[in-house]
Amino acid sequence: MIFQSFRWARAAALFGIVAIVASCGLPNVGPNKREIFSGSVQRQGDAFVVTVNDRVTRATAVTPALGFNDGFTNAGVIGSDTIRPGDILGLTIWENVDEGLLVGQGQNATALEEVQVDGSGFIFVPYAGRIRAAGNSPEAIRRIITAKLDEQTPDPQVQVRRLAGDGSTVSLTGAVGAQGVYAIERPTRTLSTMLARAGGVTIVPEIAQITVIRGDQRSRIWFQDLFDHPERDIALRGGDRILVEEDTRAFTALGATGGQARVPFFSQDLSALEAIAQVGGLQSATADPTGIFVLRNEPEEISNIVLGRDDLVGAQRLIYVLDLTKPNGLFQARDFVIRDDDTIYVTEAPYAQFSKILGALTGPAVSLDALSSLGSNCSQEHAT
């Protein structure tokens, strides 16, 4: 009888120690569902815990709106590359005679290199005189010189090119095929054609952003939108700076997922379902599909809509709960939009913790004394 009582007392002590170990001594990926809910405002915490439904997905479906303002979209297309005072031009003149005005004997062309446009905007060409260059394109200057020389030599041919100077140029930097300074010419008067001239973008088009800086104005557009919507293309202006860069948005994945890391966006719009798939999905052995949480600092205007209130001021901590086991759970996860700096946390299923307890009981070299020592340590931690 005494032996049997001892056995029952030993078993009770063993299960008591296991209960304590389960509460604090076993490894875990993070807080469980109960612990997260205990931090809600409804339970004197500092975060609002909200179950995701169709109304919530609509209220939170906010994506960054990129597009050019009216100052960019209303600017008309300018002419070809415009010459400015201070530019240096190169001229080549062909004459269809043996001894021409400018061409030496035995030659058919002469080159006038480094002809600088003076402060008043003029250049001087022998036999053609003083020519207005500033405000004209190289093509217009060519026609003027040709007309002047045509009166003195038969069928002259003239080529005009800029050797140095600002002119109507734009600079392209970032993730383009060939960074550099490019003249605005007839084929490259718009943003899309200038990007093509520079070799296109060298990053994934879906996450490429184009920023145009014009004076003190700055505007940005998605590269994909630029080609999906041709009406959003803009005309360029001399001095424009064009920057091509990758989308910098990212979310953090933690818990029972295939990977735990800070993950960049791979598209303009990213749903919770796509984000989970992007990190390898849920761990089939441990993840709880009813406990998928999205943590976010939500602006007050969205917070008030989601919570059905009008008294919240400033950003609020919101924890959105997704349950994939519901009949429409996968659809809601597909429709719920992930935003920059979101944290996606997947809790472990209860049976995963139970499996750890069984492992602690049935593992090799596990003694009652060892469990008792671990239980004592846990009890001391709870007491402190």
Protein backbone atom coordinates (compact mmCIF):
# COMPACT_ATOMS: atom_id res chain seq x y z
CA MET A 1 0.00 0.00 0.00
CA ILE A 2 2.82 2.34 0.92
CA PHE A 3 4.65 1.41 -2.30
CA GLN A 4 1.55 2.13 -4.38
CA SER A 5 1.10 5.52 -2.72
CA PHE A 6 4.73 6.29 -3.43
CA ARG A 7 4.23 5.42 -7.09
CA TRP A 8 1.23 7.74 -7.35
CA ALA A 9 3.11 10.53 -5.58
CA ARG A 10 6.07 10.06 -7.92
CA ALA A 11 3.80 10.16 -10.98
CA ALA A 12 2.03 13.26 -9.73
CA ALA A 13 5.37 14.96 -9.11
CA LEU A 14 6.54 13.97 -12.56
CA PHE A 15 3.50 15.42 -14.29
CA GLY A 16 3.72 18.55 -12.17
CA ILE A 17 7.30 19.09 -13.21
CA VAL A 18 6.40 18.44 -16.85
CA ALA A 19 3.65 21.07 -16.61
CA ILE A 20 6.15 23.61 -15.31
CA VAL A 21 8.67 22.65 -17.99
CA ALA A 22 6.01 23.03 -20.65
CA SER A 23 5.28 26.56 -19.49
CA CYS A 24 8.83 27.89 -19.67
CA GLY A 25 11.46 25.27 -20.29
CA LEU A 26 10.77 24.12 -23.84
CA PRO A 27 12.04 25.86 -26.97
CA ASN A 28 9.50 27.89 -28.94
CA VAL A 29 9.54 30.07 -32.06
CA GLY A 30 7.77 32.87 -30.22
CA PRO A 31 4.52 33.67 -28.41
CA ASN A 32 1.52 31.43 -28.89
CA LYS A 33 -1.99 32.55 -29.77
CA ARG A 34 -3.06 32.90 -26.15
CA GLU A 35 -0.08 35.10 -25.33
CA ILE A 36 -0.69 37.36 -28.33
CA PHE A 37 -4.36 37.79 -27.50
CA SER A 38 -3.43 38.63 -23.91
CA GLY A 39 -1.66 41.75 -25.21
CA SER A 40 -4.75 43.14 -26.87
CA VAL A 41 -6.40 46.41 -25.85
CA GLN A 42 -9.47 44.40 -24.89
CA ARG A 43 -7.30 42.72 -22.23
CA GLN A 44 -5.50 45.84 -21.01
CA GLY A 45 -2.74 45.54 -23.62
CA ASP A 46 -1.61 48.15 -26.16
CA ALA A 47 -2.54 46.55 -29.50
CA PHE A 48 -5.87 46.05 -31.23
CA VAL A 49 -6.38 42.44 -32.34
CA VAL A 50 -8.66 42.27 -35.38
CA THR A 51 -9.98 39.21 -37.18
CA VAL A 52 -9.62 39.64 -40.94
CA ASN A 53 -12.84 39.63 -42.93
CA ASP A 54 -13.96 41.11 -46.25
CA ARG A 55 -14.62 44.53 -44.72
CA VAL A 56 -11.15 44.63 -43.17
CA THR A 57 -9.44 43.60 -46.42
CA ARG A 58 -11.20 46.44 -48.27
CA ALA A 59 -10.35 49.03 -45.62
CA THR A 60 -6.66 48.07 -45.51
CA ALA A 61 -6.08 47.56 -49.26
CA VAL A 62 -3.76 50.55 -49.53
CA THR A 63 -0.89 50.45 -52.03
CA PRO A 64 1.58 53.24 -52.82
CA ALA A 65 0.14 55.46 -55.53
CA LEU A 66 2.92 56.53 -57.87
CA GLY A 67 2.43 58.82 -60.83
CA PHE A 68 3.54 62.12 -62.30
CA ASN A 69 1.92 65.34 -61.16
CA ASP A 70 0.30 67.85 -63.52
CA GLY A 71 3.53 69.82 -63.91
CA PHE A 72 5.09 66.81 -65.61
CA THR A 73 2.13 65.38 -67.49
CA ASN A 74 1.05 68.74 -68.99
CA ALA A 75 4.51 69.58 -70.38
CA GLY A 76 4.52 69.38 -74.18
CA VAL A 77 7.12 67.62 -76.29
CA ILE A 78 10.04 69.90 -77.14
CA GLY A 79 11.94 69.96 -80.39
CA SER A 80 15.20 68.22 -81.11
CA ASP A 81 18.34 68.91 -79.12
CA THR A 82 18.61 72.66 -78.57
CA ILE A 83 21.93 74.50 -78.73
CA ARG A 84 22.79 76.95 -75.95
CA PRO A 85 25.41 79.75 -75.54
CA GLY A 86 28.75 78.22 -74.63
CA ASP A 87 28.21 74.98 -76.53
CA ILE A 88 31.01 73.86 -78.80
CA LEU A 89 30.02 72.60 -82.24
CA GLY A 90 31.76 70.59 -84.90
CA LEU A 91 30.97 71.32 -88.57
CA THR A 92 31.85 69.30 -91.65
CA ILE A 93 31.17 70.82 -95.09
CA TRP A 94 31.25 68.96 -98.42
CA GLU A 95 31.40 70.82 -101.74
CA ASN A 96 30.62 69.33 -105.13
CA VAL A 97 33.49 71.09 -106.96
CA ASP A 98 37.20 70.52 -107.39
CA GLU A 99 38.14 73.82 -105.80
CA GLY A 100 35.47 75.00 -103.42
CA LEU A 101 35.10 77.91 -101.06
CA LEU A 102 36.37 76.00 -98.05
CA VAL A 103 37.62 72.71 -99.45
CA GLY A 104 41.25 72.54 -100.50
CA GLN A 105 42.49 71.18 -103.81
CA GLY A 106 42.16 67.42 -104.07
CA GLN A 107 39.73 67.25 -101.19
CA ASN A 108 35.97 67.17 -101.06
CA ALA A 109 35.30 68.10 -97.41
CA THR A 110 36.58 70.42 -94.72
CA ALA A 111 36.07 70.18 -90.97
CA LEU A 112 35.56 73.17 -88.70
CA GLU A 113 36.19 71.81 -85.23
CA GLU A 114 35.46 73.51 -81.91
CA VAL A 115 33.27 76.32 -83.13
CA GLN A 116 31.99 77.85 -79.90
CA VAL A 117 28.61 79.53 -79.57
CA ASP A 118 29.28 83.00 -78.18
CA GLY A 119 27.45 84.67 -75.32
CA SER A 120 24.92 86.17 -77.70
CA GLY A 121 24.15 82.75 -79.17
CA PHE A 122 25.93 83.14 -82.56
CA ILE A 123 28.66 81.29 -84.43
CA PHE A 124 30.70 82.44 -87.42
CA VAL A 125 31.06 80.24 -90.50
CA PRO A 126 33.30 81.43 -93.38
CA TYR A 127 31.26 82.52 -96.43
CA ALA A 128 28.03 81.89 -94.49
CA GLY A 129 28.60 84.66 -92.00
CA ARG A 130 27.20 85.07 -88.52
CA ILE A 131 24.65 82.36 -87.79
CA ARG A 132 22.16 82.26 -84.92
CA ALA A 133 22.86 78.95 -83.14
CA ALA A 134 21.38 79.27 -79.63
CA GLY A 135 17.76 78.18 -79.50
CA ASN A 136 18.15 76.11 -82.67
CA SER A 137 18.74 72.40 -83.04
CA PRO A 138 21.81 71.08 -84.91
CA GLU A 139 19.46 70.19 -87.76
CA ALA A 140 18.12 73.75 -87.96
CA ILE A 141 21.66 75.17 -87.95
CA ARG A 142 22.60 72.75 -90.73
CA ARG A 143 19.76 73.99 -92.89
CA ILE A 144 20.69 77.66 -92.29
CA ILE A 145 24.35 77.13 -93.20
CA THR A 146 23.41 75.05 -96.24
CA ALA A 147 21.11 77.81 -97.51
CA LYS A 148 23.83 80.45 -97.04
CA LEU A 149 26.50 78.43 -98.85
CA ASP A 150 24.16 77.28 -101.59
CA GLU A 151 24.23 80.80 -102.98
CA GLN A 152 28.01 80.55 -103.51
CA THR A 153 28.85 76.88 -104.22
CA PRO A 154 26.78 74.18 -105.93
CA ASP A 155 24.96 71.61 -103.76
CA PRO A 156 26.89 72.01 -100.46
CA GLN A 157 26.39 69.31 -97.82
CA VAL A 158 26.71 70.28 -94.16
CA GLN A 159 26.88 68.25 -90.94
CA VAL A 160 26.52 69.89 -87.52
CA ARG A 161 27.12 68.12 -84.21
CA ARG A 162 27.67 69.22 -80.64
CA LEU A 163 31.11 68.41 -79.25
CA ALA A 164 30.60 69.82 -75.75
CA GLY A 165 28.09 71.77 -73.73
CA ASP A 166 24.87 71.26 -71.84
CA GLY A 167 22.28 71.71 -74.53
CA SER A 168 19.00 69.88 -73.96
CA THR A 169 20.33 66.85 -72.20
CA VAL A 170 19.15 64.56 -69.43
CA SER A 171 21.13 62.34 -67.06
CA LEU A 172 20.22 58.73 -66.37
CA THR A 173 21.54 56.94 -63.28
CA GLY A 174 20.75 53.82 -61.33
CA ALA A 175 19.64 50.47 -62.70
CA VAL A 176 19.82 51.25 -66.43
CA GLY A 177 21.80 49.53 -69.14
CA ALA A 178 24.14 52.49 -69.70
CA GLN A 179 24.27 55.37 -67.25
CA GLY A 180 25.23 58.72 -68.68
CA VAL A 181 24.16 62.05 -70.13
CA TYR A 182 21.98 61.89 -73.24
CA ALA A 183 20.82 64.59 -75.62
CA ILE A 184 17.09 65.01 -76.19
CA GLU A 185 16.81 64.18 -79.85
CA ARG A 186 13.88 63.48 -82.13
CA PRO A 187 13.61 59.76 -81.22
CA THR A 188 14.15 60.34 -77.48
CA ARG A 189 11.85 63.17 -76.49
CA THR A 190 9.84 61.15 -73.96
CA LEU A 191 10.76 59.25 -70.81
CA SER A 192 10.04 55.79 -72.21
CA THR A 193 12.09 56.33 -75.36
CA MET A 194 15.00 57.80 -73.38
CA LEU A 195 15.02 54.75 -71.10
CA ALA A 196 15.16 52.56 -74.18
CA ARG A 197 18.06 54.66 -75.51
CA ALA A 198 19.96 53.95 -72.26
CA GLY A 199 19.50 50.21 -72.60
CA GLY A 200 16.36 49.79 -70.52
CA VAL A 201 16.22 48.80 -66.86
CA THR A 202 18.46 46.10 -65.44
CA ILE A 203 16.23 45.05 -62.54
CA VAL A 204 12.95 43.14 -62.40
CA PRO A 205 10.43 45.42 -64.17
CA GLU A 206 7.66 44.70 -61.65
CA ILE A 207 9.62 46.37 -58.81
CA ALA A 208 11.40 49.09 -60.80
CA GLN A 209 10.59 52.70 -59.94
CA ILE A 210 11.42 55.70 -62.13
CA THR A 211 12.04 59.07 -60.46
CA VAL A 212 12.29 62.24 -62.56
CA ILE A 213 13.83 65.33 -60.91
CA ARG A 214 13.14 68.61 -62.68
CA GLY A 215 14.43 71.68 -60.86
CA ASP A 216 12.93 71.57 -57.38
CA GLN A 217 10.19 69.14 -58.44
CA ARG A 218 10.38 65.38 -58.03
CA SER A 219 7.88 62.78 -59.26
CA ARG A 220 7.92 59.01 -59.49
CA ILE A 221 6.17 56.20 -61.36
CA TRP A 222 6.29 52.42 -61.56
CA PHE A 223 8.20 51.26 -64.62
CA GLN A 224 5.46 48.73 -65.37
CA ASP A 225 2.77 51.45 -65.27
CA LEU A 226 4.78 53.51 -67.74
CA PHE A 227 4.35 50.81 -70.37
CA ASP A 228 0.96 49.45 -69.36
CA HIS A 229 -0.47 52.98 -69.57
CA PRO A 230 1.17 54.93 -72.44
CA GLU A 231 -0.85 58.02 -71.52
CA ARG A 232 1.28 58.32 -68.35
CA ASP A 233 4.46 58.84 -70.37
CA ILE A 234 5.91 62.37 -70.12
CA ALA A 235 7.92 64.70 -72.32
CA LEU A 236 11.46 65.43 -71.16
CA ARG A 237 13.10 68.79 -70.52
CA GLY A 238 16.75 69.77 -70.64
CA GLY A 239 18.37 69.24 -67.25
CA ASP A 240 16.02 66.44 -66.17
CA ARG A 241 17.61 63.85 -63.90
CA ILE A 242 16.22 60.33 -64.21
CA LEU A 243 16.84 57.76 -61.47
CA VAL A 244 15.95 54.08 -61.85
CA GLU A 245 15.92 52.12 -58.61
CA GLU A 246 14.48 49.00 -57.07
CA ASP A 247 11.47 49.09 -54.77
CA THR A 248 12.77 49.27 -51.18
CA ARG A 249 9.65 47.93 -49.46
CA ALA A 250 10.02 44.77 -47.38
CA PHE A 251 8.21 42.69 -44.77
CA THR A 252 9.51 40.48 -41.96
CA ALA A 253 8.52 36.81 -41.65
CA LEU A 254 8.82 35.06 -38.28
CA GLY A 255 7.58 31.93 -36.59
CA ALA A 256 6.65 28.59 -38.10
CA THR A 257 7.33 29.53 -41.73
CA GLY A 258 9.66 28.04 -44.28
CA GLY A 259 12.08 30.93 -43.76
CA GLN A 260 12.52 33.69 -41.20
CA ALA A 261 13.94 36.87 -42.65
CA ARG A 262 13.29 40.38 -43.88
CA VAL A 263 11.94 39.84 -47.37
CA PRO A 264 11.73 42.42 -50.20
CA PHE A 265 8.56 42.82 -52.22
CA PHE A 266 8.58 41.16 -55.64
CA SER A 267 5.56 43.02 -57.07
CA GLN A 268 3.62 46.26 -56.65
CA ASP A 269 0.84 44.49 -54.75
CA LEU A 270 1.62 41.67 -52.33
CA SER A 271 -1.04 39.63 -50.54
CA ALA A 272 -0.60 37.75 -47.28
CA LEU A 273 -0.91 34.45 -49.15
CA GLU A 274 1.82 35.47 -51.62
CA ALA A 275 4.06 36.69 -48.79
CA ILE A 276 3.77 33.36 -46.98
CA ALA A 277 4.51 31.49 -50.20
CA GLN A 278 7.51 33.75 -50.81
CA VAL A 279 9.17 32.49 -47.59
CA GLY A 280 8.50 28.84 -48.31
CA GLY A 281 4.97 28.50 -46.94
CA LEU A 282 3.98 27.17 -43.52
CA GLN A 283 5.99 24.47 -41.76
CA SER A 284 3.70 21.48 -42.13
CA ALA A 285 4.97 19.83 -38.95
CA THR A 286 4.57 22.77 -36.57
CA ALA A 287 2.58 25.70 -38.03
CA ASP A 288 -0.89 26.58 -36.78
CA PRO A 289 -2.97 27.67 -39.82
CA THR A 290 -5.48 29.31 -37.46
CA GLY A 291 -2.83 31.56 -35.94
CA ILE A 292 -1.34 33.73 -38.67
CA PHE A 293 -0.79 37.29 -37.45
CA VAL A 294 0.12 40.47 -39.33
CA LEU A 295 1.54 43.19 -37.07
CA ARG A 296 1.37 46.76 -38.30
CA ASN A 297 1.39 50.39 -37.17
CA GLU A 298 -1.79 51.57 -38.87
CA PRO A 299 -2.52 55.26 -39.66
CA GLU A 300 -5.37 56.75 -37.65
CA GLU A 301 -7.70 57.15 -40.65
CA ILE A 302 -7.49 53.43 -41.46
CA SER A 303 -7.54 52.41 -37.79
CA ASN A 304 -10.80 54.25 -37.23
CA ILE A 305 -12.41 52.59 -40.25
CA VAL A 306 -11.23 49.09 -39.30
CA LEU A 307 -12.31 49.43 -35.67
CA GLY A 308 -15.51 51.35 -36.42
CA ARG A 309 -14.44 54.34 -34.34
CA ASP A 310 -13.73 58.03 -34.81
CA ASP A 311 -11.78 58.91 -31.66
CA LEU A 312 -8.38 57.38 -32.38
CA VAL A 313 -5.54 59.84 -32.90
CA GLY A 314 -2.17 58.94 -34.37
CA ALA A 315 -0.86 55.60 -35.60
CA GLN A 316 -2.23 52.54 -33.79
CA ARG A 317 -0.77 49.10 -33.21
CA LEU A 318 -3.00 46.59 -34.99
CA ILE A 319 -2.63 42.83 -35.09
CA TYR A 320 -4.61 41.22 -37.91
CA VAL A 321 -5.53 37.55 -37.47
CA LEU A 322 -5.87 35.19 -40.43
CA ASP A 323 -7.40 31.72 -40.14
CA LEU A 324 -6.71 29.59 -43.20
CA THR A 325 -8.98 26.80 -41.97
CA LYS A 326 -12.14 28.88 -42.42
CA PRO A 327 -14.22 28.21 -45.56
CA ASN A 328 -13.08 31.51 -47.07
CA GLY A 329 -9.80 31.78 -45.14
CA LEU A 330 -7.59 31.32 -48.18
CA PHE A 331 -9.57 33.91 -50.13
CA GLN A 332 -9.20 36.42 -47.31
CA ALA A 333 -5.45 35.74 -47.13
CA ARG A 334 -5.28 36.22 -50.88
CA ASP A 335 -7.12 39.56 -50.67
CA PHE A 336 -5.37 40.96 -47.58
CA VAL A 337 -2.66 43.38 -48.77
CA ILE A 338 0.77 43.34 -47.11
CA ARG A 339 2.42 46.73 -46.71
CA ASP A 340 5.92 48.03 -46.13
CA ASP A 341 7.44 47.08 -42.72
CA ASP A 342 4.69 44.58 -41.89
CA THR A 343 5.59 41.63 -39.67
CA ILE A 344 4.03 38.26 -40.48
CA TYR A 345 4.14 35.86 -37.56
CA VAL A 346 2.92 32.25 -37.68
CA THR A 347 2.32 30.53 -34.34
CA GLU A 348 3.05 26.90 -33.59
CA ALA A 349 0.20 24.43 -33.38
CA PRO A 350 -0.63 23.18 -29.84
CA TYR A 351 0.31 19.62 -30.76
CA ALA A 352 3.83 20.82 -31.64
CA GLN A 353 4.36 21.88 -28.05
CA PHE A 354 2.84 18.60 -26.86
CA SER A 355 5.31 16.73 -29.06
CA LYS A 356 8.17 18.57 -27.38
CA ILE A 357 6.87 17.54 -23.99
CA LEU A 358 6.70 13.91 -25.10
CA GLY A 359 10.20 14.23 -26.44
CA ALA A 360 11.37 15.54 -23.10
CA LEU A 361 9.79 12.55 -21.35
CA THR A 362 10.87 9.84 -23.74
CA GLY A 363 14.21 11.18 -24.89
CA PRO A 364 17.46 9.41 -23.98
CA ALA A 365 19.05 9.91 -20.59
CA VAL A 366 16.11 11.85 -19.16
CA SER A 367 15.75 11.32 -15.45
CA LEU A 368 13.27 12.55 -12.91
CA ASP A 369 16.07 14.37 -11.12
CA ALA A 370 16.97 16.25 -14.33
CA LEU A 371 13.35 17.25 -14.94
CA SER A 372 13.01 18.23 -11.30
CA SER A 373 16.05 20.48 -11.56
CA LEU A 374 14.72 22.13 -14.73
CA GLY A 375 11.31 22.56 -13.11
CA SER A 376 12.91 24.27 -10.11
CA ASN A 377 14.73 26.70 -12.37
CA CYS A 378 11.51 27.52 -14.20
CA SER A 379 9.66 28.06 -10.93
CA GLN A 380 12.37 30.50 -9.81
CA GLU A 381 12.07 32.41 -13.12
CA HIS A 382 8.31 32.71 -12.69
CA ALA A 383 8.79 33.87 -9.11
CA THR A 384 11.15 36.66 -10.21
